[in-house]
């Protein structure tokens, strides 16, 4: 059995062009990672490809199948709870489409294990704008959305909407996951904001984000709108909410 302290959650919907390659890329790393696929009933047969690969990697590859496309946030919450139950020490978020480079996973892991981070973010904007093959309009929209979120929330994070993340398990155990409200890309903002308000150390690790070459992007204007307008209600709500705090005597 390939034992690991780390697991990568990958949500999927219609990712048949990418899923086998991304799984093999993660499993090809020198450090051993496990993978949990959160599969939202893709009509293109993504789940069947994963099931075939599970025969090859029975101790490293896991899948939760859901009944439909229920949102990115709920996919990750489902994955977080499974990973907490199975006692993984480090829990990662990553896209299936290679926009997040699997070779950066060990760097996020190091930021938590060596540099003392409770949460490590693969950041597109910590050293400028490191995005490849996005239209200029989308680059500007994403960059200024992060600036906007920082202005509204006070988060000391350059890439507030990043979806390439490593958490120590204790962060996810401390946060009340059932209180996370957003389902789309605002979910990423809310998780960072909650971790920050709870006193956890967040480290940004510079990465290069490469737009998907295969498959179709799930981004749309309503998802982006949730991220832009939802942060205002989140900030106002924080004035009246008591956040759970990282234990002062922690030996993490």
Protein backbone atom coordinates (compact mmCIF):
# COMPACT_ATOMS: atom_id res chain seq x y z
CA UNK A 1 0.00 0.00 0.00
CA UNK A 2 1.24 3.50 -0.92
CA UNK A 3 0.77 5.49 2.29
CA UNK A 4 0.74 9.29 2.10
CA UNK A 5 0.07 12.23 4.41
CA UNK A 6 -1.23 14.27 1.45
CA UNK A 7 -4.25 14.07 -0.82
CA UNK A 8 -5.26 16.16 -3.84
CA UNK A 9 -8.96 16.87 -4.38
CA UNK A 10 -9.87 17.29 -8.05
CA UNK A 11 -13.48 18.19 -8.92
CA UNK A 12 -14.56 17.01 -12.36
CA UNK A 13 -17.32 17.70 -14.82
CA UNK A 14 -16.70 16.66 -18.44
CA UNK A 15 -12.93 16.25 -18.13
CA UNK A 16 -12.37 13.11 -20.19
CA UNK A 17 -9.64 14.83 -22.23
CA UNK A 18 -7.61 15.66 -19.13
CA UNK A 19 -8.41 13.32 -16.27
CA UNK A 20 -6.10 10.39 -17.02
CA UNK A 21 -3.16 12.67 -17.82
CA UNK A 22 -3.57 14.76 -14.67
CA UNK A 23 -3.86 11.66 -12.47
CA UNK A 24 -0.73 10.11 -13.98
CA UNK A 25 1.14 13.40 -13.67
CA UNK A 26 0.39 13.61 -9.93
CA UNK A 27 1.26 9.98 -9.37
CA UNK A 28 4.50 10.47 -11.31
CA UNK A 29 5.86 12.93 -8.76
CA UNK A 30 8.69 11.88 -6.47
CA UNK A 31 6.57 12.57 -3.39
CA UNK A 32 3.60 10.25 -2.96
CA UNK A 33 0.24 11.98 -3.20
CA UNK A 34 -3.19 10.39 -3.12
CA UNK A 35 -6.05 11.75 -5.24
CA UNK A 36 -9.76 12.15 -4.50
CA UNK A 37 -11.95 12.86 -7.53
CA UNK A 38 -15.28 14.60 -6.86
CA UNK A 39 -17.21 13.64 -9.97
CA UNK A 40 -20.48 15.44 -10.77
CA UNK A 41 -22.09 12.90 -13.11
CA UNK A 42 -20.23 13.98 -16.24
CA UNK A 43 -22.10 12.88 -19.38
CA UNK A 44 -18.78 12.49 -21.25
CA UNK A 45 -17.68 9.39 -19.33
CA UNK A 46 -15.11 10.94 -17.01
CA UNK A 47 -16.16 8.62 -14.18
CA UNK A 48 -15.57 5.50 -16.30
CA UNK A 49 -11.99 6.59 -17.00
CA UNK A 50 -11.37 7.14 -13.28
CA UNK A 51 -12.82 3.72 -12.42
CA UNK A 52 -10.47 2.06 -14.90
CA UNK A 53 -7.51 3.86 -13.33
CA UNK A 54 -8.64 2.82 -9.85
CA UNK A 55 -7.85 -0.75 -10.83
CA UNK A 56 -4.27 0.34 -11.50
CA UNK A 57 -4.01 2.56 -8.42
CA UNK A 58 -6.37 0.99 -5.86
CA UNK A 59 -4.61 2.44 -2.82
CA UNK A 60 -4.02 5.96 -4.16
CA UNK A 61 -7.02 6.93 -6.29
CA UNK A 62 -10.48 7.51 -4.80
CA UNK A 63 -13.71 8.91 -6.19
CA UNK A 64 -16.97 10.29 -4.86
CA UNK A 65 -19.73 10.37 -7.47
CA UNK A 66 -22.49 12.95 -7.05
CA UNK A 67 -25.84 13.12 -8.79
CA UNK A 68 -25.23 16.29 -10.77
CA UNK A 69 -23.33 19.53 -11.18
CA UNK A 70 -23.72 20.99 -7.69
CA UNK A 71 -21.06 23.69 -7.65
CA UNK A 72 -17.35 23.96 -7.01
CA UNK A 73 -17.73 24.92 -3.37
CA UNK A 74 -19.95 21.99 -2.45
CA UNK A 75 -17.56 19.65 -4.30
CA UNK A 76 -14.64 20.80 -2.19
CA UNK A 77 -16.65 20.73 1.05
CA UNK A 78 -17.62 17.13 0.28
CA UNK A 79 -13.96 16.32 -0.39
CA UNK A 80 -12.72 18.12 2.73
CA UNK A 81 -15.03 16.14 4.98
CA UNK A 82 -13.93 12.85 3.40
CA UNK A 83 -10.25 13.74 3.78
CA UNK A 84 -10.68 14.84 7.40
CA UNK A 85 -12.43 11.55 8.16
CA UNK A 86 -9.52 9.67 6.59
CA UNK A 87 -6.96 11.67 8.61
CA UNK A 88 -4.85 13.16 5.81
CA UNK A 89 -2.47 15.78 7.23
CA UNK A 90 -2.35 17.96 4.08
CA UNK A 91 -5.30 18.47 1.76
CA UNK A 92 -4.91 20.12 -1.65
CA UNK A 93 -7.27 21.75 -4.14
CA UNK A 94 -6.37 21.47 -7.82
CA UNK A 95 -8.11 21.74 -11.20
CA UNK A 96 -8.21 18.84 -13.62
CA UNK A 97 -7.23 20.81 -16.71
CA UNK A 98 -3.47 21.43 -16.10
CA UNK A 99 -4.02 25.12 -15.42
CA UNK A 100 -2.42 24.16 -12.10
CA UNK A 101 0.93 22.45 -12.71
CA UNK A 102 1.22 19.19 -10.72
CA UNK A 103 4.95 19.87 -10.40
CA UNK A 104 4.06 22.74 -8.05
CA UNK A 105 2.36 20.45 -5.53
CA UNK A 106 5.62 19.74 -3.64
CA UNK A 107 6.28 23.49 -3.42
CA UNK A 108 2.92 24.07 -1.73
CA UNK A 109 3.63 21.11 0.55
CA UNK A 110 7.00 22.60 1.49
CA UNK A 111 5.40 25.96 2.30
CA UNK A 112 3.35 24.20 4.98
CA UNK A 113 5.79 21.58 6.22
CA UNK A 114 9.04 23.58 6.15
CA UNK A 115 8.01 27.25 6.11
CA UNK A 116 5.30 26.94 8.76
CA UNK A 117 2.24 27.77 6.70
CA UNK A 118 -1.20 26.57 7.72
CA UNK A 119 -2.46 27.31 4.21
CA UNK A 120 -0.36 27.64 1.06
CA UNK A 121 -1.72 29.32 -2.08
CA UNK A 122 -0.42 28.82 -5.60
CA UNK A 123 -0.43 32.52 -6.48
CA UNK A 124 -0.65 33.98 -9.97
CA UNK A 125 -0.04 37.54 -8.79
CA UNK A 126 2.57 37.47 -6.02
CA UNK A 127 5.37 38.20 -8.51
CA UNK A 128 3.48 40.19 -11.14
CA UNK A 129 0.95 38.53 -13.46
CA UNK A 130 1.88 34.91 -14.21
CA UNK A 131 -0.91 33.79 -16.52
CA UNK A 132 -0.41 32.13 -19.91
CA UNK A 133 -2.90 31.92 -22.82
CA UNK A 134 -5.71 33.91 -21.23
CA UNK A 135 -7.38 36.67 -23.26
CA UNK A 136 -6.29 40.08 -22.00
CA UNK A 137 -9.83 40.86 -20.88
CA UNK A 138 -9.95 37.85 -18.61
CA UNK A 139 -6.49 38.59 -17.18
CA UNK A 140 -7.56 42.13 -16.32
CA UNK A 141 -10.86 40.93 -14.90
CA UNK A 142 -9.17 38.37 -12.64
CA UNK A 143 -6.34 40.67 -11.56
CA UNK A 144 -8.57 43.59 -10.64
CA UNK A 145 -11.10 41.27 -9.01
CA UNK A 146 -8.35 40.21 -6.61
CA UNK A 147 -7.46 43.87 -6.01
CA UNK A 148 -11.13 44.60 -5.35
CA UNK A 149 -11.43 41.69 -2.91
CA UNK A 150 -8.34 42.87 -1.04
CA UNK A 151 -9.81 46.37 -0.79
CA UNK A 152 -13.18 45.19 0.53
CA UNK A 153 -11.98 42.45 2.88
CA UNK A 154 -8.53 43.62 3.97
CA UNK A 155 -7.06 40.24 3.07
CA UNK A 156 -3.24 40.48 2.84
CA UNK A 157 -3.25 38.10 -0.15
CA UNK A 158 -2.42 38.99 -3.75
CA UNK A 159 -4.35 36.14 -5.40
CA UNK A 160 -7.61 36.00 -3.46
CA UNK A 161 -9.47 33.86 -6.03
CA UNK A 162 -6.75 31.21 -6.48
CA UNK A 163 -7.96 27.63 -6.60
CA UNK A 164 -4.58 25.91 -6.17
CA UNK A 165 -4.27 25.49 -2.41
CA UNK A 166 -2.80 23.30 0.33
CA UNK A 167 -4.43 23.17 3.76
CA UNK A 168 -3.22 21.61 6.95
CA UNK A 169 -6.03 19.33 8.07
CA UNK A 170 -6.39 21.28 11.32
CA UNK A 171 -7.44 24.38 9.36
CA UNK A 172 -10.37 22.52 7.85
CA UNK A 173 -11.20 20.96 11.22
CA UNK A 174 -11.30 24.41 12.83
CA UNK A 175 -13.42 26.11 10.17
CA UNK A 176 -17.14 25.27 10.32
CA UNK A 177 -17.43 23.97 6.78
CA UNK A 178 -21.22 23.92 6.97
CA UNK A 179 -21.16 27.70 7.41
CA UNK A 180 -19.36 28.32 4.11
CA UNK A 181 -21.98 29.99 1.93
CA UNK A 182 -20.64 30.34 -1.59
CA UNK A 183 -20.72 27.64 -4.24
CA UNK A 184 -18.81 29.20 -7.14
CA UNK A 185 -15.44 30.94 -7.32
CA UNK A 186 -16.40 33.13 -4.34
CA UNK A 187 -15.94 29.93 -2.34
CA UNK A 188 -12.19 30.35 -2.77
CA UNK A 189 -12.36 33.88 -1.39
CA UNK A 190 -14.53 32.84 1.55
CA UNK A 191 -12.19 30.00 2.54
CA UNK A 192 -9.17 32.33 2.54
CA UNK A 193 -11.05 35.04 4.42
CA UNK A 194 -12.26 32.56 7.05
CA UNK A 195 -8.79 31.05 7.51
CA UNK A 196 -7.31 34.55 7.85
CA UNK A 197 -9.94 35.68 10.37
CA UNK A 198 -9.30 32.47 12.33
CA UNK A 199 -5.64 33.37 12.76
CA UNK A 200 -4.00 30.88 10.43
CA UNK A 201 -0.73 31.61 8.65
CA UNK A 202 -1.19 31.90 4.88
CA UNK A 203 1.75 31.72 2.49
CA UNK A 204 1.60 32.56 -1.22
CA UNK A 205 3.82 30.49 -3.50
CA UNK A 206 4.41 31.95 -6.98
CA UNK A 207 3.11 29.72 -9.79
CA UNK A 208 2.44 30.09 -13.50
CA UNK A 209 -1.21 29.57 -14.43
CA UNK A 210 -1.71 28.10 -17.91
CA UNK A 211 -5.14 28.24 -19.51
CA UNK A 212 -6.61 24.86 -20.36
CA UNK A 213 -5.78 23.41 -23.76
CA UNK A 214 -8.45 20.66 -23.72
CA UNK A 215 -12.07 20.74 -22.61
CA UNK A 216 -14.30 23.70 -21.84
CA UNK A 217 -13.85 26.29 -19.09
CA UNK A 218 -16.54 26.33 -16.38
CA UNK A 219 -16.14 30.09 -15.78
CA UNK A 220 -19.12 32.29 -16.63
CA UNK A 221 -20.40 35.76 -15.75
CA UNK A 222 -22.73 34.57 -12.97
CA UNK A 223 -19.89 32.74 -11.22
CA UNK A 224 -17.71 35.83 -11.52
CA UNK A 225 -20.56 38.02 -10.33
CA UNK A 226 -20.91 35.98 -7.16
CA UNK A 227 -17.24 36.55 -6.44
CA UNK A 228 -17.50 40.31 -7.03
CA UNK A 229 -20.75 41.09 -5.21
CA UNK A 230 -20.67 38.31 -2.62
CA UNK A 231 -17.59 39.69 -0.89
CA UNK A 232 -19.53 42.75 0.26
CA UNK A 233 -22.10 40.67 2.14
CA UNK A 234 -19.31 38.44 3.43
CA UNK A 235 -17.43 41.45 4.81
CA UNK A 236 -20.54 42.92 6.43
CA UNK A 237 -21.40 39.54 7.92
CA UNK A 238 -17.92 39.28 9.43
CA UNK A 239 -18.69 42.28 11.64
CA UNK A 240 -21.29 40.20 13.48
CA UNK A 241 -19.67 36.75 13.29
CA UNK A 242 -17.30 35.14 15.78
CA UNK A 243 -14.67 33.10 13.95
CA UNK A 244 -13.14 29.99 15.53
CA UNK A 245 -9.49 30.58 16.35
CA UNK A 246 -6.35 28.54 15.79
CA UNK A 247 -5.40 27.06 19.17
CA UNK A 248 -2.68 29.14 20.84
CA UNK A 249 -0.92 26.00 22.07
CA UNK A 250 -0.83 24.37 18.66
CA UNK A 251 2.18 22.24 17.77
CA UNK A 252 1.46 22.36 14.04
